[in-house]
Amino acid sequence: MSERVFERANQRYSAPKLASPAAEPVVLTGAEVVQAVFEHAGSGGATFLPPTLAPTIPTLVTLLAIRVPDGPRGGFTMAQVRVSCRSGGRPRALAVATAVDADADTVAWLAAGWGIGGQDGPVAIERRYDRVEVRAPWFDVAVTGPRPIGVRDVQYVTGLHPIDGDRLAQVELDVTPDRVERGRPLLQRFGAPDRAPGLSPHSPVAATAAVGTVRLPVLRFVL
């Protein structure tokens, strides 16, 4: 693909409207899930959080990408930049940027049901013999030297998605992997999103690439 289409989009983030909160779970099979985690270097984590959320020490930046080959509204690929936080004593990840690569109907479905969205843009997951690469509007990242690990050895923290009206939709993403590989996260490009200027992923922590089933949950909480 052309380098041009992966340049950071100029448009500002627009929080999606939660028009039809999901009342039934949706099971998506054959999904690929790539997650790379880094420590933030710079200001304290509270800089990027609303007052109702508490920062973690250290602040972690998670780059998450999911590709679904088919679903009720068609296939899609999405990417998020997430900042670690806590709601009470529970770990959460605030999505400070989300891009969805899909047709208009699928984009609208994800936004209306789970608050997944904010910006349309190209997202690609590419598997090579020695790495798994993700290219998204705000970052290029790779899981290098992937090696198999147990399917129970990876965790995906509950996400908080900004929606219209200064609210957060809590999405308890449930991933059931059939195969998981762990490697070293390699950040090749990063541009801080408009909602988190100064965000700086620095020291690599961990990275995984999984294949399995993703379950989009009933939407239980809006904060």
Protein backbone atom coordinates (compact mmCIF):
# COMPACT_ATOMS: atom_id res chain seq x y z
CA MET A 1 0.00 0.00 0.00
CA SER A 2 1.07 3.56 -0.60
CA GLU A 3 2.87 5.38 2.23
CA ARG A 4 0.62 8.34 1.55
CA VAL A 5 -2.54 6.66 2.80
CA PHE A 6 -0.90 5.96 6.15
CA GLU A 7 -0.04 9.59 6.88
CA ARG A 8 -1.74 10.92 10.00
CA ALA A 9 -5.15 12.27 9.09
CA ASN A 10 -5.63 16.03 9.47
CA GLN A 11 -9.22 15.82 10.66
CA ARG A 12 -9.83 16.11 14.40
CA TYR A 13 -11.23 13.26 16.44
CA SER A 14 -15.02 13.20 16.64
CA ALA A 15 -16.54 11.15 19.47
CA PRO A 16 -19.11 8.68 18.10
CA LYS A 17 -22.78 8.84 19.02
CA LEU A 18 -23.97 5.81 20.97
CA ALA A 19 -27.27 5.57 19.11
CA SER A 20 -28.13 1.90 19.77
CA PRO A 21 -26.21 0.49 22.75
CA ALA A 22 -25.59 -3.21 22.18
CA ALA A 23 -28.24 -5.29 23.96
CA GLU A 24 -26.94 -8.65 22.70
CA PRO A 25 -23.37 -9.93 22.39
CA VAL A 26 -21.88 -10.44 18.94
CA VAL A 27 -19.42 -13.28 18.28
CA LEU A 28 -16.79 -12.69 15.60
CA THR A 29 -14.75 -15.72 14.54
CA GLY A 30 -11.40 -15.91 12.77
CA ALA A 31 -10.25 -12.59 14.22
CA GLU A 32 -6.64 -11.42 14.47
CA VAL A 33 -5.72 -9.36 17.54
CA VAL A 34 -2.38 -7.59 17.84
CA GLN A 35 -1.37 -5.75 21.00
CA ALA A 36 1.86 -3.86 21.74
CA VAL A 37 2.50 -2.18 25.10
CA PHE A 38 5.01 0.56 25.93
CA GLU A 39 5.74 2.77 28.92
CA HIS A 40 4.90 6.44 28.44
CA ALA A 41 7.85 8.84 28.78
CA GLY A 42 7.05 12.35 29.92
CA SER A 43 4.17 13.90 31.84
CA GLY A 44 2.13 12.00 34.42
CA GLY A 45 -0.72 9.84 33.19
CA ALA A 46 -3.36 12.14 34.71
CA THR A 47 -2.59 14.57 31.87
CA PHE A 48 -4.51 12.35 29.46
CA LEU A 49 -7.41 11.31 31.72
CA PRO A 50 -10.72 12.85 32.79
CA PRO A 51 -11.02 13.53 36.55
CA THR A 52 -13.09 10.38 37.17
CA LEU A 53 -10.20 8.08 36.21
CA ALA A 54 -7.00 7.49 38.17
CA PRO A 55 -3.59 7.17 36.48
CA THR A 56 -1.42 4.09 36.79
CA ILE A 57 2.27 4.08 37.67
CA PRO A 58 3.86 3.68 35.24
CA THR A 59 1.50 4.93 32.54
CA LEU A 60 1.24 2.36 29.77
CA VAL A 61 0.42 3.04 26.13
CA THR A 62 -1.23 0.14 24.34
CA LEU A 63 -1.44 -0.02 20.57
CA LEU A 64 -4.27 -2.43 19.72
CA ALA A 65 -5.43 -3.67 16.34
CA ILE A 66 -8.19 -6.13 15.46
CA ARG A 67 -9.03 -7.57 12.05
CA VAL A 68 -12.32 -9.41 11.57
CA PRO A 69 -12.72 -11.11 8.18
CA ASP A 70 -16.51 -11.26 8.37
CA GLY A 71 -19.31 -10.26 10.71
CA PRO A 72 -23.02 -9.36 10.81
CA ARG A 73 -22.25 -6.09 9.00
CA GLY A 74 -19.17 -7.24 7.10
CA GLY A 75 -15.49 -7.37 7.87
CA PHE A 76 -13.47 -4.58 9.43
CA THR A 77 -10.06 -3.68 10.78
CA MET A 78 -9.72 -1.28 13.70
CA ALA A 79 -6.85 0.27 15.63
CA GLN A 80 -6.73 2.06 18.96
CA VAL A 81 -4.24 4.07 20.98
CA ARG A 82 -5.04 3.34 24.66
CA VAL A 83 -3.77 4.83 27.92
CA SER A 84 -3.74 2.75 31.10
CA CYS A 85 -5.87 3.94 34.01
CA ARG A 86 -8.10 2.77 36.84
CA SER A 87 -11.79 3.20 37.54
CA GLY A 88 -11.92 2.71 41.28
CA GLY A 89 -9.56 -0.20 41.85
CA ARG A 90 -10.12 -1.84 38.48
CA PRO A 91 -7.67 -1.58 35.57
CA ARG A 92 -9.04 0.08 32.46
CA ALA A 93 -7.67 1.41 29.16
CA LEU A 94 -8.89 4.76 27.84
CA ALA A 95 -9.05 4.87 24.04
CA VAL A 96 -7.61 8.26 23.10
CA ALA A 97 -7.81 7.46 19.38
CA THR A 98 -9.71 4.90 17.32
CA ALA A 99 -9.68 4.30 13.57
CA VAL A 100 -11.98 1.88 11.77
CA ASP A 101 -11.26 0.62 8.26
CA ALA A 102 -14.57 -0.71 6.87
CA ASP A 103 -17.53 0.27 4.75
CA ALA A 104 -19.85 2.99 6.01
CA ASP A 105 -22.52 0.61 7.33
CA THR A 106 -20.01 -1.32 9.45
CA VAL A 107 -18.41 1.88 10.75
CA ALA A 108 -21.83 3.18 11.83
CA TRP A 109 -22.75 -0.17 13.47
CA LEU A 110 -19.60 -0.28 15.63
CA ALA A 111 -20.01 3.34 16.68
CA ALA A 112 -23.73 3.09 17.49
CA GLY A 113 -23.46 -0.15 19.49
CA TRP A 114 -20.14 0.09 21.34
CA GLY A 115 -18.73 3.57 20.79
CA ILE A 116 -15.97 2.09 18.65
CA GLY A 117 -14.94 4.82 16.26
CA GLY A 118 -13.95 8.42 16.02
CA GLN A 119 -12.07 8.50 12.76
CA ASP A 120 -12.19 6.59 9.51
CA GLY A 121 -8.78 5.60 8.21
CA PRO A 122 -6.70 2.81 6.73
CA VAL A 123 -5.57 0.10 9.14
CA ALA A 124 -3.53 -2.91 8.02
CA ILE A 125 -2.26 -6.04 9.75
CA GLU A 126 0.43 -7.90 7.83
CA ARG A 127 2.01 -11.20 8.89
CA ARG A 128 5.56 -11.98 7.74
CA TYR A 129 7.80 -14.91 8.57
CA ASP A 130 9.65 -13.00 11.31
CA ARG A 131 7.08 -10.43 12.50
CA VAL A 132 3.51 -9.19 12.55
CA GLU A 133 3.13 -5.55 11.49
CA VAL A 134 0.33 -3.07 12.10
CA ARG A 135 -0.02 0.21 10.22
CA ALA A 136 -2.58 2.75 11.39
CA PRO A 137 -3.09 6.52 11.17
CA TRP A 138 -1.12 7.22 14.37
CA PHE A 139 1.44 4.44 14.42
CA ASP A 140 3.38 1.68 12.74
CA VAL A 141 4.30 -1.12 15.14
CA ALA A 142 5.60 -4.67 14.84
CA VAL A 143 5.66 -7.81 16.96
CA THR A 144 9.13 -9.13 16.14
CA GLY A 145 10.37 -12.67 16.60
CA PRO A 146 6.98 -14.10 17.59
CA ARG A 147 7.01 -17.37 19.54
CA PRO A 148 3.99 -19.45 20.65
CA ILE A 149 2.73 -19.08 24.23
CA GLY A 150 -0.27 -20.47 26.09
CA VAL A 151 -3.67 -19.14 25.08
CA ARG A 152 -4.32 -18.17 28.73
CA ASP A 153 -1.14 -16.11 28.97
CA VAL A 154 -2.48 -12.94 27.36
CA GLN A 155 -4.86 -10.37 28.82
CA TYR A 156 -6.93 -7.62 27.20
CA VAL A 157 -7.90 -4.84 29.57
CA THR A 158 -11.47 -3.48 29.49
CA GLY A 159 -11.67 -0.43 27.24
CA LEU A 160 -13.32 2.92 27.85
CA HIS A 161 -14.48 4.55 24.64
CA PRO A 162 -15.24 8.30 24.55
CA ILE A 163 -18.71 8.96 23.17
CA ASP A 164 -20.78 12.08 22.59
CA GLY A 165 -21.74 14.14 25.61
CA ASP A 166 -18.41 13.74 27.44
CA ARG A 167 -19.23 10.15 28.42
CA LEU A 168 -17.31 6.87 28.34
CA ALA A 169 -18.71 3.54 27.15
CA GLN A 170 -17.16 0.60 29.00
CA VAL A 171 -16.51 -2.25 26.56
CA GLU A 172 -15.41 -5.54 28.12
CA LEU A 173 -13.74 -7.01 25.05
CA ASP A 174 -13.66 -10.81 25.31
CA VAL A 175 -11.00 -12.56 23.23
CA THR A 176 -10.80 -16.36 23.13
CA PRO A 177 -7.56 -17.17 21.32
CA ASP A 178 -6.93 -20.35 19.39
CA ARG A 179 -3.29 -19.38 18.97
CA VAL A 180 -1.11 -16.71 20.63
CA GLU A 181 2.42 -15.60 19.88
CA ARG A 182 4.55 -13.26 21.96
CA GLY A 183 7.40 -11.15 20.61
CA ARG A 184 9.25 -7.90 21.14
CA PRO A 185 7.33 -4.71 20.37
CA LEU A 186 9.08 -2.50 17.84
CA LEU A 187 7.62 1.01 17.38
CA GLN A 188 8.50 2.30 13.93
CA ARG A 189 6.37 5.47 13.90
CA PHE A 190 4.11 7.29 16.35
CA GLY A 191 2.16 10.54 16.16
CA ALA A 192 0.34 11.64 19.30
CA PRO A 193 -3.45 11.84 18.73
CA ASP A 194 -5.25 15.16 19.10
CA ARG A 195 -6.89 13.94 22.32
CA ALA A 196 -3.52 13.11 23.91
CA PRO A 197 -0.85 15.62 22.83
CA GLY A 198 2.48 14.74 24.39
CA LEU A 199 1.76 11.03 24.61
CA SER A 200 5.09 9.26 24.08
CA PRO A 201 5.41 5.45 23.98
CA HIS A 202 8.99 4.75 24.91
CA SER A 203 10.21 1.63 26.72
CA PRO A 204 8.79 -1.60 25.22
CA VAL A 205 6.92 -3.87 27.65
CA ALA A 206 5.29 -6.72 25.71
CA ALA A 207 3.61 -7.59 22.44
CA THR A 208 1.33 -10.41 21.30
CA ALA A 209 -0.42 -11.54 18.15
CA ALA A 210 -3.43 -13.82 18.50
CA VAL A 211 -5.95 -15.54 16.27
CA GLY A 212 -9.31 -16.63 17.61
CA THR A 213 -12.80 -15.42 18.50
CA VAL A 214 -13.68 -11.89 19.58
CA ARG A 215 -16.92 -11.32 21.46
CA LEU A 216 -18.36 -7.81 21.45
CA PRO A 217 -20.33 -7.64 24.72
CA VAL A 218 -23.64 -6.28 25.84
CA LEU A 219 -22.97 -2.66 26.74
CA ARG A 220 -23.52 -2.54 30.52
CA PHE A 221 -21.96 0.71 31.68
CA VAL A 222 -21.75 4.30 30.45
CA LEU A 223 -19.72 6.58 32.74
